N, C-alpha and C. Protein backbone atom coordinates (compact mmCIF):
# COMPACT_ATOMS: atom_id res chain seq x y z
N MET A 1 30.88 -8.18 -5.60
CA MET A 1 30.12 -8.86 -6.65
C MET A 1 28.89 -9.53 -6.08
N SER A 2 29.05 -10.22 -4.99
CA SER A 2 27.95 -11.02 -4.45
C SER A 2 26.92 -10.13 -3.78
N ALA A 3 25.66 -10.36 -4.12
CA ALA A 3 24.56 -9.61 -3.51
C ALA A 3 23.87 -10.52 -2.50
N PRO A 4 23.23 -9.97 -1.50
CA PRO A 4 22.52 -10.79 -0.52
C PRO A 4 21.28 -11.44 -1.14
N ALA A 5 20.68 -12.37 -0.42
CA ALA A 5 19.50 -13.08 -0.91
C ALA A 5 18.27 -12.17 -0.95
N ARG A 6 18.29 -11.06 -0.26
CA ARG A 6 17.19 -10.09 -0.32
C ARG A 6 17.63 -8.90 -1.16
N PRO A 7 16.74 -8.40 -2.00
CA PRO A 7 17.12 -7.24 -2.83
C PRO A 7 17.55 -6.05 -1.97
N ARG A 8 18.57 -5.35 -2.48
CA ARG A 8 19.01 -4.14 -1.80
C ARG A 8 19.24 -3.05 -2.84
N ALA A 9 19.08 -1.82 -2.41
CA ALA A 9 19.30 -0.68 -3.31
C ALA A 9 20.79 -0.57 -3.62
N VAL A 10 21.09 -0.36 -4.90
CA VAL A 10 22.47 -0.25 -5.37
C VAL A 10 22.53 0.82 -6.46
N ALA A 11 23.72 1.09 -6.95
CA ALA A 11 23.89 1.96 -8.12
C ALA A 11 23.68 1.12 -9.38
N ALA A 12 23.26 1.75 -10.44
CA ALA A 12 23.13 1.05 -11.73
C ALA A 12 24.50 0.54 -12.15
N PRO A 13 24.58 -0.67 -12.71
CA PRO A 13 25.88 -1.18 -13.14
C PRO A 13 26.50 -0.26 -14.20
N PRO A 14 27.73 0.21 -13.97
CA PRO A 14 28.34 1.17 -14.91
C PRO A 14 28.61 0.57 -16.29
N ASP A 15 28.76 -0.75 -16.37
CA ASP A 15 29.05 -1.39 -17.65
C ASP A 15 27.79 -1.88 -18.37
N SER A 16 26.63 -1.43 -17.92
CA SER A 16 25.35 -1.90 -18.48
C SER A 16 24.86 -1.02 -19.62
N LEU A 17 23.96 -1.57 -20.41
CA LEU A 17 23.31 -0.81 -21.48
C LEU A 17 22.46 0.32 -20.93
N ILE A 18 21.88 0.12 -19.75
CA ILE A 18 20.99 1.11 -19.15
C ILE A 18 21.75 2.37 -18.74
N ALA A 19 23.05 2.25 -18.49
CA ALA A 19 23.85 3.40 -18.05
C ALA A 19 23.72 4.58 -19.02
N ALA A 20 23.57 4.31 -20.30
CA ALA A 20 23.44 5.37 -21.30
C ALA A 20 22.11 6.12 -21.17
N HIS A 21 21.15 5.58 -20.45
CA HIS A 21 19.83 6.20 -20.31
C HIS A 21 19.72 7.06 -19.05
N LEU A 22 20.73 7.06 -18.20
CA LEU A 22 20.64 7.74 -16.91
C LEU A 22 20.68 9.27 -17.02
N GLU A 23 21.43 9.79 -17.97
CA GLU A 23 21.60 11.24 -18.07
C GLU A 23 20.25 11.93 -18.27
N GLY A 24 19.98 12.93 -17.42
CA GLY A 24 18.76 13.73 -17.53
C GLY A 24 17.50 13.04 -17.03
N ALA A 25 17.65 11.88 -16.40
CA ALA A 25 16.47 11.15 -15.91
C ALA A 25 15.78 11.91 -14.78
N HIS A 26 14.47 11.87 -14.79
CA HIS A 26 13.67 12.44 -13.70
C HIS A 26 13.75 11.52 -12.48
N PHE A 27 13.83 10.22 -12.74
CA PHE A 27 13.88 9.21 -11.68
C PHE A 27 14.70 8.03 -12.16
N HIS A 28 15.47 7.46 -11.26
CA HIS A 28 16.12 6.17 -11.53
C HIS A 28 16.45 5.50 -10.21
N ASP A 29 16.41 4.19 -10.22
CA ASP A 29 16.88 3.42 -9.08
C ASP A 29 17.34 2.06 -9.57
N ALA A 30 18.01 1.33 -8.70
CA ALA A 30 18.50 0.00 -9.03
C ALA A 30 18.45 -0.87 -7.78
N TRP A 31 18.11 -2.14 -7.99
CA TRP A 31 18.00 -3.12 -6.91
C TRP A 31 18.74 -4.37 -7.35
N ALA A 32 19.50 -4.98 -6.44
CA ALA A 32 20.27 -6.17 -6.77
C ALA A 32 19.96 -7.31 -5.81
N VAL A 33 20.10 -8.52 -6.33
CA VAL A 33 19.90 -9.73 -5.54
C VAL A 33 20.75 -10.85 -6.14
N ARG A 34 21.17 -11.79 -5.31
CA ARG A 34 21.89 -12.96 -5.80
C ARG A 34 20.88 -13.93 -6.39
N ALA A 35 21.14 -14.42 -7.59
CA ALA A 35 20.21 -15.29 -8.30
C ALA A 35 20.19 -16.69 -7.69
N GLY A 36 18.98 -17.22 -7.51
CA GLY A 36 18.81 -18.59 -7.06
C GLY A 36 19.11 -19.59 -8.16
N GLU A 37 19.02 -19.13 -9.41
CA GLU A 37 19.37 -19.94 -10.58
C GLU A 37 20.40 -19.15 -11.39
N PRO A 38 21.66 -19.22 -11.01
CA PRO A 38 22.68 -18.36 -11.63
C PRO A 38 22.92 -18.61 -13.11
N GLY A 39 22.53 -19.74 -13.64
CA GLY A 39 22.77 -20.03 -15.05
C GLY A 39 21.76 -19.44 -16.00
N ARG A 40 20.65 -18.90 -15.49
CA ARG A 40 19.64 -18.31 -16.37
C ARG A 40 20.19 -17.07 -17.07
N SER A 41 19.73 -16.84 -18.29
CA SER A 41 20.07 -15.62 -19.02
C SER A 41 19.34 -14.44 -18.38
N ALA A 42 19.70 -13.26 -18.81
CA ALA A 42 19.01 -12.06 -18.31
C ALA A 42 17.52 -12.12 -18.63
N LEU A 43 17.17 -12.52 -19.84
CA LEU A 43 15.75 -12.64 -20.19
C LEU A 43 15.08 -13.70 -19.33
N GLY A 44 15.75 -14.80 -19.09
CA GLY A 44 15.20 -15.85 -18.24
C GLY A 44 14.96 -15.36 -16.82
N GLN A 45 15.86 -14.54 -16.30
CA GLN A 45 15.69 -13.97 -14.96
C GLN A 45 14.50 -13.01 -14.95
N PHE A 46 14.35 -12.21 -16.02
CA PHE A 46 13.22 -11.30 -16.11
C PHE A 46 11.90 -12.08 -16.13
N ILE A 47 11.84 -13.11 -16.97
CA ILE A 47 10.62 -13.91 -17.09
C ILE A 47 10.28 -14.56 -15.75
N LYS A 48 11.30 -15.06 -15.05
CA LYS A 48 11.08 -15.67 -13.74
C LYS A 48 10.51 -14.65 -12.76
N ALA A 49 11.13 -13.49 -12.68
CA ALA A 49 10.69 -12.46 -11.73
C ALA A 49 9.29 -11.96 -12.04
N PHE A 50 9.05 -11.55 -13.28
CA PHE A 50 7.77 -10.93 -13.62
C PHE A 50 6.66 -11.96 -13.74
N GLY A 51 6.99 -13.18 -14.07
CA GLY A 51 6.00 -14.24 -14.11
C GLY A 51 5.49 -14.62 -12.73
N ARG A 52 6.25 -14.26 -11.71
CA ARG A 52 5.87 -14.54 -10.32
C ARG A 52 5.53 -13.26 -9.56
N THR A 53 5.09 -12.26 -10.28
CA THR A 53 4.72 -11.00 -9.65
C THR A 53 3.70 -11.24 -8.54
N PRO A 54 3.92 -10.69 -7.35
CA PRO A 54 2.94 -10.87 -6.27
C PRO A 54 1.56 -10.35 -6.68
N GLY A 55 0.51 -11.03 -6.23
CA GLY A 55 -0.86 -10.65 -6.58
C GLY A 55 -1.19 -9.22 -6.20
N TRP A 56 -0.66 -8.74 -5.07
CA TRP A 56 -0.97 -7.37 -4.65
C TRP A 56 -0.39 -6.35 -5.64
N VAL A 57 0.71 -6.70 -6.31
CA VAL A 57 1.30 -5.79 -7.30
C VAL A 57 0.38 -5.70 -8.52
N ASP A 58 -0.11 -6.85 -8.99
CA ASP A 58 -1.05 -6.81 -10.12
C ASP A 58 -2.34 -6.09 -9.74
N ALA A 59 -2.76 -6.18 -8.47
CA ALA A 59 -3.94 -5.43 -8.01
C ALA A 59 -3.65 -3.93 -8.10
N CYS A 60 -2.45 -3.52 -7.73
CA CYS A 60 -2.06 -2.11 -7.86
C CYS A 60 -2.07 -1.68 -9.33
N MET A 61 -1.62 -2.57 -10.22
CA MET A 61 -1.63 -2.25 -11.65
C MET A 61 -3.05 -2.08 -12.17
N ARG A 62 -3.97 -2.93 -11.71
CA ARG A 62 -5.38 -2.77 -12.13
C ARG A 62 -5.91 -1.41 -11.70
N LEU A 63 -5.62 -1.03 -10.46
CA LEU A 63 -6.05 0.27 -9.95
C LEU A 63 -5.41 1.40 -10.76
N ARG A 64 -4.12 1.27 -11.04
CA ARG A 64 -3.41 2.27 -11.85
C ARG A 64 -4.05 2.39 -13.22
N ASN A 65 -4.34 1.26 -13.85
CA ASN A 65 -4.91 1.29 -15.20
C ASN A 65 -6.27 1.96 -15.23
N ARG A 66 -7.09 1.72 -14.22
CA ARG A 66 -8.41 2.40 -14.16
C ARG A 66 -8.24 3.90 -13.98
N ALA A 67 -7.33 4.29 -13.10
CA ALA A 67 -7.14 5.71 -12.79
C ALA A 67 -6.58 6.49 -13.97
N VAL A 68 -5.60 5.93 -14.69
CA VAL A 68 -4.95 6.70 -15.75
C VAL A 68 -5.80 6.81 -17.01
N ARG A 69 -6.78 5.93 -17.17
CA ARG A 69 -7.68 6.06 -18.33
C ARG A 69 -8.36 7.42 -18.34
N LEU A 70 -8.63 7.94 -17.14
CA LEU A 70 -9.27 9.26 -17.02
C LEU A 70 -8.40 10.37 -17.61
N ALA A 71 -7.08 10.16 -17.59
CA ALA A 71 -6.15 11.15 -18.13
C ALA A 71 -5.74 10.81 -19.57
N GLY A 72 -6.32 9.77 -20.15
CA GLY A 72 -6.02 9.39 -21.52
C GLY A 72 -4.72 8.63 -21.69
N LEU A 73 -4.23 8.02 -20.61
CA LEU A 73 -2.98 7.26 -20.69
C LEU A 73 -3.27 5.79 -20.95
N LYS A 74 -2.22 5.04 -21.32
CA LYS A 74 -2.34 3.63 -21.69
C LYS A 74 -2.72 2.75 -20.50
N ASP A 75 -3.54 1.76 -20.79
CA ASP A 75 -3.77 0.64 -19.87
C ASP A 75 -2.66 -0.36 -20.20
N LEU A 76 -1.76 -0.58 -19.26
CA LEU A 76 -0.60 -1.44 -19.52
C LEU A 76 -0.89 -2.92 -19.28
N GLY A 77 -1.99 -3.24 -18.66
CA GLY A 77 -2.28 -4.64 -18.36
C GLY A 77 -1.61 -5.07 -17.08
N ARG A 78 -1.34 -6.37 -16.96
CA ARG A 78 -0.76 -6.96 -15.75
C ARG A 78 0.73 -7.21 -15.93
N MET A 79 1.50 -6.98 -14.87
CA MET A 79 2.93 -7.25 -14.93
C MET A 79 3.20 -8.73 -15.14
N ALA A 80 2.37 -9.57 -14.54
CA ALA A 80 2.57 -11.03 -14.61
C ALA A 80 2.03 -11.64 -15.90
N ALA A 81 1.55 -10.83 -16.83
CA ALA A 81 0.97 -11.35 -18.08
C ALA A 81 2.08 -11.80 -19.03
N ILE A 82 2.77 -12.86 -18.63
CA ILE A 82 3.86 -13.44 -19.41
C ILE A 82 3.45 -14.85 -19.77
N ASP A 83 3.61 -15.21 -21.03
CA ASP A 83 3.24 -16.54 -21.51
C ASP A 83 4.24 -17.57 -20.98
N PRO A 84 3.83 -18.41 -20.01
CA PRO A 84 4.78 -19.37 -19.44
C PRO A 84 5.22 -20.46 -20.43
N GLY A 85 4.47 -20.65 -21.50
CA GLY A 85 4.81 -21.67 -22.48
C GLY A 85 5.72 -21.19 -23.60
N ARG A 86 5.98 -19.90 -23.64
CA ARG A 86 6.81 -19.35 -24.72
C ARG A 86 8.28 -19.50 -24.38
N ALA A 87 9.05 -20.05 -25.28
CA ALA A 87 10.48 -20.26 -25.07
C ALA A 87 11.23 -18.93 -25.17
N GLU A 88 12.26 -18.79 -24.36
CA GLU A 88 13.10 -17.58 -24.39
C GLU A 88 13.60 -17.27 -25.79
N ARG A 89 14.02 -18.28 -26.51
CA ARG A 89 14.61 -18.08 -27.84
C ARG A 89 13.61 -17.50 -28.85
N ASP A 90 12.32 -17.54 -28.51
CA ASP A 90 11.29 -17.03 -29.41
C ASP A 90 11.02 -15.54 -29.24
N TYR A 91 11.62 -14.92 -28.23
CA TYR A 91 11.41 -13.49 -28.02
C TYR A 91 12.33 -12.69 -28.93
N ARG A 92 11.78 -11.61 -29.47
CA ARG A 92 12.52 -10.71 -30.36
C ARG A 92 12.31 -9.26 -29.90
N VAL A 93 13.26 -8.41 -30.27
CA VAL A 93 13.11 -6.98 -30.01
C VAL A 93 11.79 -6.53 -30.61
N GLY A 94 11.03 -5.77 -29.84
CA GLY A 94 9.72 -5.29 -30.27
C GLY A 94 8.57 -6.10 -29.68
N ASP A 95 8.85 -7.30 -29.17
CA ASP A 95 7.80 -8.12 -28.55
C ASP A 95 7.38 -7.52 -27.22
N ARG A 96 6.13 -7.75 -26.88
CA ARG A 96 5.60 -7.32 -25.60
C ARG A 96 5.80 -8.46 -24.60
N ILE A 97 6.32 -8.12 -23.40
CA ILE A 97 6.50 -9.08 -22.31
C ILE A 97 5.91 -8.44 -21.07
N GLY A 98 4.75 -8.92 -20.65
CA GLY A 98 4.06 -8.29 -19.53
C GLY A 98 3.66 -6.88 -19.92
N ILE A 99 4.05 -5.90 -19.11
CA ILE A 99 3.68 -4.50 -19.38
C ILE A 99 4.72 -3.76 -20.21
N PHE A 100 5.78 -4.46 -20.62
CA PHE A 100 6.89 -3.81 -21.31
C PHE A 100 7.08 -4.33 -22.73
N THR A 101 7.76 -3.50 -23.53
CA THR A 101 8.21 -3.89 -24.86
C THR A 101 9.70 -4.18 -24.77
N LEU A 102 10.14 -5.25 -25.41
CA LEU A 102 11.54 -5.63 -25.41
C LEU A 102 12.31 -4.70 -26.36
N TYR A 103 13.30 -3.96 -25.82
CA TYR A 103 14.09 -3.01 -26.61
C TYR A 103 15.43 -3.59 -27.06
N ASP A 104 16.07 -4.36 -26.20
CA ASP A 104 17.40 -4.90 -26.52
C ASP A 104 17.60 -6.16 -25.70
N ILE A 105 18.40 -7.09 -26.23
CA ILE A 105 18.60 -8.36 -25.54
C ILE A 105 20.01 -8.87 -25.80
N THR A 106 20.72 -9.19 -24.71
CA THR A 106 22.00 -9.88 -24.75
C THR A 106 21.89 -10.99 -23.70
N PRO A 107 22.84 -11.92 -23.67
CA PRO A 107 22.75 -12.97 -22.65
C PRO A 107 22.77 -12.41 -21.22
N ASP A 108 23.46 -11.27 -21.02
CA ASP A 108 23.60 -10.74 -19.67
C ASP A 108 22.80 -9.47 -19.37
N GLU A 109 21.99 -9.00 -20.34
CA GLU A 109 21.16 -7.83 -20.06
C GLU A 109 20.00 -7.77 -21.05
N VAL A 110 18.85 -7.39 -20.51
CA VAL A 110 17.71 -7.06 -21.36
C VAL A 110 17.27 -5.65 -21.01
N LEU A 111 16.88 -4.90 -22.04
CA LEU A 111 16.28 -3.59 -21.86
C LEU A 111 14.84 -3.70 -22.33
N LEU A 112 13.94 -3.21 -21.50
CA LEU A 112 12.52 -3.21 -21.81
C LEU A 112 11.98 -1.84 -21.43
N GLY A 113 10.82 -1.50 -21.95
CA GLY A 113 10.27 -0.22 -21.57
C GLY A 113 8.91 0.04 -22.16
N ASP A 114 8.50 1.29 -21.98
CA ASP A 114 7.24 1.74 -22.53
C ASP A 114 7.34 3.25 -22.73
N ARG A 115 6.66 3.70 -23.77
CA ARG A 115 6.62 5.14 -24.07
C ARG A 115 5.16 5.58 -24.08
N ASP A 116 4.91 6.71 -23.47
CA ASP A 116 3.58 7.30 -23.49
C ASP A 116 3.76 8.81 -23.58
N ARG A 117 2.66 9.53 -23.67
CA ARG A 117 2.80 10.98 -23.89
C ARG A 117 3.33 11.72 -22.67
N HIS A 118 3.23 11.12 -21.48
CA HIS A 118 3.67 11.79 -20.26
C HIS A 118 5.09 11.41 -19.83
N LEU A 119 5.56 10.20 -20.24
CA LEU A 119 6.90 9.78 -19.84
C LEU A 119 7.37 8.58 -20.64
N ASP A 120 8.66 8.34 -20.58
CA ASP A 120 9.28 7.12 -21.11
C ASP A 120 9.93 6.41 -19.93
N VAL A 121 9.75 5.10 -19.88
CA VAL A 121 10.39 4.29 -18.85
C VAL A 121 11.21 3.21 -19.54
N VAL A 122 12.43 3.02 -19.05
CA VAL A 122 13.30 1.95 -19.53
C VAL A 122 13.75 1.16 -18.31
N LEU A 123 13.65 -0.16 -18.42
CA LEU A 123 14.03 -1.05 -17.35
C LEU A 123 15.11 -1.98 -17.88
N SER A 124 16.13 -2.22 -17.05
CA SER A 124 17.20 -3.15 -17.39
C SER A 124 17.22 -4.26 -16.36
N LEU A 125 17.41 -5.48 -16.83
CA LEU A 125 17.76 -6.58 -15.94
C LEU A 125 19.14 -7.03 -16.39
N HIS A 126 20.13 -6.83 -15.51
CA HIS A 126 21.53 -7.05 -15.82
C HIS A 126 22.09 -8.16 -14.93
N CYS A 127 22.83 -9.09 -15.52
CA CYS A 127 23.45 -10.19 -14.79
C CYS A 127 24.96 -10.01 -14.76
N ALA A 128 25.54 -10.00 -13.57
CA ALA A 128 27.00 -9.97 -13.40
C ALA A 128 27.38 -11.33 -12.82
N ARG A 129 28.21 -12.05 -13.54
CA ARG A 129 28.57 -13.43 -13.15
C ARG A 129 29.97 -13.45 -12.55
N SER A 130 30.09 -14.20 -11.45
CA SER A 130 31.40 -14.30 -10.78
C SER A 130 32.10 -15.59 -11.16
N ASP A 131 33.40 -15.66 -10.85
CA ASP A 131 34.18 -16.87 -11.08
C ASP A 131 33.74 -18.01 -10.17
N ARG A 132 33.03 -17.67 -9.10
CA ARG A 132 32.55 -18.68 -8.14
C ARG A 132 31.20 -19.27 -8.56
N GLY A 133 30.70 -18.89 -9.73
CA GLY A 133 29.44 -19.44 -10.20
C GLY A 133 28.21 -18.71 -9.70
N GLU A 134 28.40 -17.58 -9.06
CA GLU A 134 27.27 -16.78 -8.59
C GLU A 134 26.88 -15.74 -9.65
N THR A 135 25.62 -15.34 -9.62
CA THR A 135 25.14 -14.29 -10.51
C THR A 135 24.42 -13.25 -9.67
N CYS A 136 24.86 -12.01 -9.80
CA CYS A 136 24.17 -10.89 -9.17
C CYS A 136 23.27 -10.27 -10.23
N VAL A 137 21.96 -10.22 -9.94
CA VAL A 137 20.99 -9.66 -10.87
C VAL A 137 20.60 -8.27 -10.37
N THR A 138 20.74 -7.29 -11.25
CA THR A 138 20.37 -5.91 -10.92
C THR A 138 19.26 -5.46 -11.85
N VAL A 139 18.18 -4.96 -11.26
CA VAL A 139 17.10 -4.34 -12.03
C VAL A 139 17.22 -2.84 -11.84
N THR A 140 17.37 -2.13 -12.94
CA THR A 140 17.48 -0.67 -12.93
C THR A 140 16.30 -0.10 -13.70
N THR A 141 15.66 0.90 -13.13
CA THR A 141 14.54 1.59 -13.77
C THR A 141 14.93 3.04 -13.99
N VAL A 142 14.69 3.54 -15.20
CA VAL A 142 14.98 4.93 -15.55
C VAL A 142 13.73 5.55 -16.16
N VAL A 143 13.36 6.72 -15.65
CA VAL A 143 12.16 7.41 -16.14
C VAL A 143 12.54 8.81 -16.60
N HIS A 144 12.12 9.14 -17.82
CA HIS A 144 12.25 10.50 -18.35
C HIS A 144 10.84 11.03 -18.54
N VAL A 145 10.51 12.12 -17.84
CA VAL A 145 9.18 12.70 -17.98
C VAL A 145 9.17 13.74 -19.09
N HIS A 146 7.99 13.90 -19.71
CA HIS A 146 7.86 14.83 -20.83
C HIS A 146 7.14 16.12 -20.48
N ASN A 147 6.36 16.10 -19.41
CA ASN A 147 5.49 17.24 -19.15
C ASN A 147 4.99 17.23 -17.70
N LEU A 148 4.13 18.18 -17.38
CA LEU A 148 3.58 18.28 -16.03
C LEU A 148 2.82 17.02 -15.65
N LEU A 149 2.09 16.44 -16.59
CA LEU A 149 1.36 15.20 -16.30
C LEU A 149 2.33 14.11 -15.85
N GLY A 150 3.47 14.01 -16.50
CA GLY A 150 4.48 13.03 -16.11
C GLY A 150 5.02 13.28 -14.71
N ARG A 151 5.26 14.53 -14.38
CA ARG A 151 5.76 14.85 -13.04
C ARG A 151 4.70 14.54 -11.98
N LEU A 152 3.44 14.86 -12.27
CA LEU A 152 2.35 14.55 -11.33
C LEU A 152 2.16 13.04 -11.20
N TYR A 153 2.26 12.33 -12.30
CA TYR A 153 2.12 10.87 -12.30
C TYR A 153 3.18 10.24 -11.40
N MET A 154 4.39 10.76 -11.44
CA MET A 154 5.49 10.18 -10.67
C MET A 154 5.37 10.43 -9.17
N LEU A 155 4.55 11.39 -8.74
CA LEU A 155 4.42 11.66 -7.30
C LEU A 155 3.97 10.41 -6.52
N PRO A 156 2.89 9.73 -6.91
CA PRO A 156 2.54 8.49 -6.18
C PRO A 156 3.33 7.27 -6.66
N VAL A 157 3.79 7.30 -7.91
CA VAL A 157 4.48 6.14 -8.46
C VAL A 157 5.85 5.93 -7.81
N THR A 158 6.58 6.99 -7.55
CA THR A 158 7.93 6.86 -7.00
C THR A 158 7.96 6.07 -5.69
N PRO A 159 7.18 6.44 -4.68
CA PRO A 159 7.24 5.64 -3.44
C PRO A 159 6.71 4.21 -3.63
N MET A 160 5.70 4.04 -4.49
CA MET A 160 5.19 2.69 -4.74
C MET A 160 6.23 1.84 -5.47
N HIS A 161 6.94 2.45 -6.41
CA HIS A 161 7.97 1.72 -7.15
C HIS A 161 9.04 1.18 -6.20
N ARG A 162 9.39 1.96 -5.19
CA ARG A 162 10.44 1.55 -4.25
C ARG A 162 10.01 0.38 -3.37
N VAL A 163 8.73 0.08 -3.35
CA VAL A 163 8.22 -1.11 -2.66
C VAL A 163 8.04 -2.25 -3.67
N ILE A 164 7.51 -1.92 -4.84
CA ILE A 164 7.20 -2.94 -5.85
C ILE A 164 8.46 -3.56 -6.45
N ALA A 165 9.44 -2.76 -6.83
CA ALA A 165 10.63 -3.28 -7.51
C ALA A 165 11.33 -4.38 -6.71
N PRO A 166 11.66 -4.15 -5.43
CA PRO A 166 12.31 -5.25 -4.71
C PRO A 166 11.38 -6.43 -4.45
N SER A 167 10.08 -6.18 -4.35
CA SER A 167 9.13 -7.27 -4.14
C SER A 167 9.08 -8.21 -5.34
N VAL A 168 9.12 -7.64 -6.55
CA VAL A 168 9.13 -8.44 -7.76
C VAL A 168 10.48 -9.14 -7.91
N LEU A 169 11.57 -8.45 -7.60
CA LEU A 169 12.91 -9.01 -7.77
C LEU A 169 13.19 -10.17 -6.81
N ARG A 170 12.47 -10.26 -5.71
CA ARG A 170 12.69 -11.36 -4.75
C ARG A 170 12.58 -12.73 -5.42
N ALA A 171 11.74 -12.86 -6.44
CA ALA A 171 11.56 -14.15 -7.11
C ALA A 171 12.86 -14.64 -7.73
N VAL A 172 13.75 -13.73 -8.14
CA VAL A 172 15.02 -14.11 -8.76
C VAL A 172 15.89 -14.89 -7.77
N ALA A 173 15.78 -14.59 -6.48
CA ALA A 173 16.61 -15.24 -5.47
C ALA A 173 16.16 -16.68 -5.17
N LEU A 174 14.95 -17.02 -5.59
CA LEU A 174 14.42 -18.35 -5.30
C LEU A 174 15.05 -19.41 -6.20
N PRO A 175 15.34 -20.58 -5.65
CA PRO A 175 15.80 -21.66 -6.51
C PRO A 175 14.63 -22.21 -7.34
N GLY A 176 14.92 -22.68 -8.54
CA GLY A 176 13.89 -23.31 -9.38
C GLY A 176 12.75 -22.54 -9.69
């Protein structure tokens, strides 16, 4: 149950909502870390992590957004573009949070994602709570590509994602 303080690659939680999205995926991975604030909800953990996105990650997003406009794809904005003054209870399915749209929300898991003509991405932030008061937070990303453009897009994105995902998730391990 307990995850180390640094994110590590793991399997997607089998009891999670994201598990239903794994079949037929072009790409998926999962990263887990022990939460520095174990009492936060899944949405609270997501807001903490993405609100503290490292500057170099947002710089990569700016570069990505400029490059994909040439192919007619969406400019997703910044990952850290989360309203710090907005209360968790005010978020609803369909709301935009950073670069994602909120698809589903429970106290222990949120599903977010984005759809475009080249691919669909769904991200889960799942909380597994132990009897010892610890919370293991797992971020799982699932990508379904639609066409050749999606497969080409994933060539540089896959290795970058494997660096970015644990870098963003590190914020969850921090206290306060």
